[in-house]
């Protein structure tokens, strides 16, 4: 299929240099580069696994994080509501 596209000068120079180096037609280099580029575009981005580091909260002895309402009542007092 024949089409017209605008290629940046630096990309054109690089494609022509690769074609000359590999002694391959310019058309073949452009098509292969487009295939490789499209493969990369279609792949989902690799995501790094999210990790959290535990930190000492410094909770005073006698307080329990399992029941937040009870903890708030102990810290703020029953009359704070």
C-alpha atoms as a PDB file:
ATOM      1  CA  UNK A   1       0.000   0.000   0.000  1.00  0.00           C
ATOM      2  CA  UNK A   2       1.301   3.423  -0.855  1.00  0.00           C
ATOM      3  CA  UNK A   3       0.768   6.355   1.506  1.00  0.00           C
ATOM      4  CA  UNK A   4       2.365   9.676   2.330  1.00  0.00           C
ATOM      5  CA  UNK A   5       3.693  10.444   5.789  1.00  0.00           C
ATOM      6  CA  UNK A   6       5.904  13.148   7.227  1.00  0.00           C
ATOM      7  CA  UNK A   7       9.055  11.814   8.879  1.00  0.00           C
ATOM      8  CA  UNK A   8      11.248  13.986  11.064  1.00  0.00           C
ATOM      9  CA  UNK A   9      14.697  14.685   9.637  1.00  0.00           C
ATOM     10  CA  UNK A  10      16.568  12.877  12.401  1.00  0.00           C
ATOM     11  CA  UNK A  11      14.419   9.751  11.978  1.00  0.00           C
ATOM     12  CA  UNK A  12      14.892   9.822   8.203  1.00  0.00           C
ATOM     13  CA  UNK A  13      18.678  10.080   8.557  1.00  0.00           C
ATOM     14  CA  UNK A  14      18.765   7.255  11.039  1.00  0.00           C
ATOM     15  CA  UNK A  15      16.563   4.991   8.883  1.00  0.00           C
ATOM     16  CA  UNK A  16      18.683   5.677   5.804  1.00  0.00           C
ATOM     17  CA  UNK A  17      21.874   4.996   7.751  1.00  0.00           C
ATOM     18  CA  UNK A  18      20.515   1.671   9.016  1.00  0.00           C
ATOM     19  CA  UNK A  19      19.377   0.730   5.514  1.00  0.00           C
ATOM     20  CA  UNK A  20      22.833   1.491   4.121  1.00  0.00           C
ATOM     21  CA  UNK A  21      24.602  -0.350   6.941  1.00  0.00           C
ATOM     22  CA  UNK A  22      22.448  -3.468   6.532  1.00  0.00           C
ATOM     23  CA  UNK A  23      22.301  -3.140   2.727  1.00  0.00           C
ATOM     24  CA  UNK A  24      18.537  -3.417   2.975  1.00  0.00           C
ATOM     25  CA  UNK A  25      15.972  -1.351   1.081  1.00  0.00           C
ATOM     26  CA  UNK A  26      14.787   1.758   2.891  1.00  0.00           C
ATOM     27  CA  UNK A  27      11.176   0.567   2.581  1.00  0.00           C
ATOM     28  CA  UNK A  28      12.008  -2.672   4.441  1.00  0.00           C
ATOM     29  CA  UNK A  29      13.745  -0.781   7.259  1.00  0.00           C
ATOM     30  CA  UNK A  30      10.796   1.591   7.703  1.00  0.00           C
ATOM     31  CA  UNK A  31       8.275  -1.267   7.719  1.00  0.00           C
ATOM     32  CA  UNK A  32      10.299  -3.290  10.232  1.00  0.00           C
ATOM     33  CA  UNK A  33      10.766  -0.257  12.481  1.00  0.00           C
ATOM     34  CA  UNK A  34       7.032   0.462  12.378  1.00  0.00           C
ATOM     35  CA  UNK A  35       6.211  -3.153  13.235  1.00  0.00           C
ATOM     36  CA  UNK A  36       8.614  -3.118  16.186  1.00  0.00           C
ATOM     37  CA  UNK A  37       7.330   0.248  17.364  1.00  0.00           C
ATOM     38  CA  UNK A  38       3.688  -0.795  17.113  1.00  0.00           C
ATOM     39  CA  UNK A  39       4.449  -3.968  19.094  1.00  0.00           C
ATOM     40  CA  UNK A  40       5.880  -1.791  21.865  1.00  0.00           C
ATOM     41  CA  UNK A  41       2.912   0.582  21.802  1.00  0.00           C
ATOM     42  CA  UNK A  42       0.440  -2.279  22.170  1.00  0.00           C
ATOM     43  CA  UNK A  43       2.205  -3.839  25.151  1.00  0.00           C
ATOM     44  CA  UNK A  44       0.964  -2.689  28.540  1.00  0.00           C
ATOM     45  CA  UNK A  45       3.521  -0.696  30.460  1.00  0.00           C
ATOM     46  CA  UNK A  46       5.454  -2.740  32.978  1.00  0.00           C
ATOM     47  CA  UNK A  47       4.455  -1.792  36.467  1.00  0.00           C
ATOM     48  CA  UNK A  48       6.668  -2.252  39.431  1.00  0.00           C
ATOM     49  CA  UNK A  49       5.140  -4.039  42.346  1.00  0.00           C
ATOM     50  CA  UNK A  50       4.085  -1.561  45.008  1.00  0.00           C
ATOM     51  CA  UNK A  51       5.577  -2.272  48.410  1.00  0.00           C
ATOM     52  CA  UNK A  52       4.948  -0.543  51.680  1.00  0.00           C
ATOM     53  CA  UNK A  53       7.389  -0.493  54.515  1.00  0.00           C
ATOM     54  CA  UNK A  54       5.988  -0.976  58.006  1.00  0.00           C
ATOM     55  CA  UNK A  55       6.658   1.803  60.470  1.00  0.00           C
ATOM     56  CA  UNK A  56       6.368   1.763  64.214  1.00  0.00           C
ATOM     57  CA  UNK A  57       3.290   3.794  65.049  1.00  0.00           C
ATOM     58  CA  UNK A  58       4.313   4.444  68.621  1.00  0.00           C
ATOM     59  CA  UNK A  59       0.892   3.470  69.964  1.00  0.00           C
ATOM     60  CA  UNK A  60       0.786   3.618  73.721  1.00  0.00           C
ATOM     61  CA  UNK A  61       0.404   0.449  75.733  1.00  0.00           C
ATOM     62  CA  UNK A  62      -3.226  -0.399  76.364  1.00  0.00           C
ATOM     63  CA  UNK A  63      -4.532   1.001  73.071  1.00  0.00           C
ATOM     64  CA  UNK A  64      -5.742  -1.364  70.389  1.00  0.00           C
ATOM     65  CA  UNK A  65      -5.930  -0.617  66.645  1.00  0.00           C
ATOM     66  CA  UNK A  66      -8.477  -3.371  66.025  1.00  0.00           C
ATOM     67  CA  UNK A  67     -11.408  -1.208  67.118  1.00  0.00           C
ATOM     68  CA  UNK A  68     -10.998   2.350  65.834  1.00  0.00           C
ATOM     69  CA  UNK A  69     -14.112   3.703  67.559  1.00  0.00           C
ATOM     70  CA  UNK A  70     -12.905   2.432  70.906  1.00  0.00           C
ATOM     71  CA  UNK A  71      -9.431   3.857  70.287  1.00  0.00           C
ATOM     72  CA  UNK A  72     -10.853   7.281  69.370  1.00  0.00           C
ATOM     73  CA  UNK A  73     -13.048   7.230  72.453  1.00  0.00           C
ATOM     74  CA  UNK A  74     -10.007   6.473  74.632  1.00  0.00           C
ATOM     75  CA  UNK A  75      -7.864   9.184  73.028  1.00  0.00           C
ATOM     76  CA  UNK A  76     -10.447  11.933  72.554  1.00  0.00           C
ATOM     77  CA  UNK A  77     -12.719  11.051  75.422  1.00  0.00           C
ATOM     78  CA  UNK A  78     -16.343   9.921  75.314  1.00  0.00           C
ATOM     79  CA  UNK A  79     -17.711  13.487  75.311  1.00  0.00           C
ATOM     80  CA  UNK A  80     -16.002  14.498  72.049  1.00  0.00           C
ATOM     81  CA  UNK A  81     -18.934  13.432  69.900  1.00  0.00           C
END
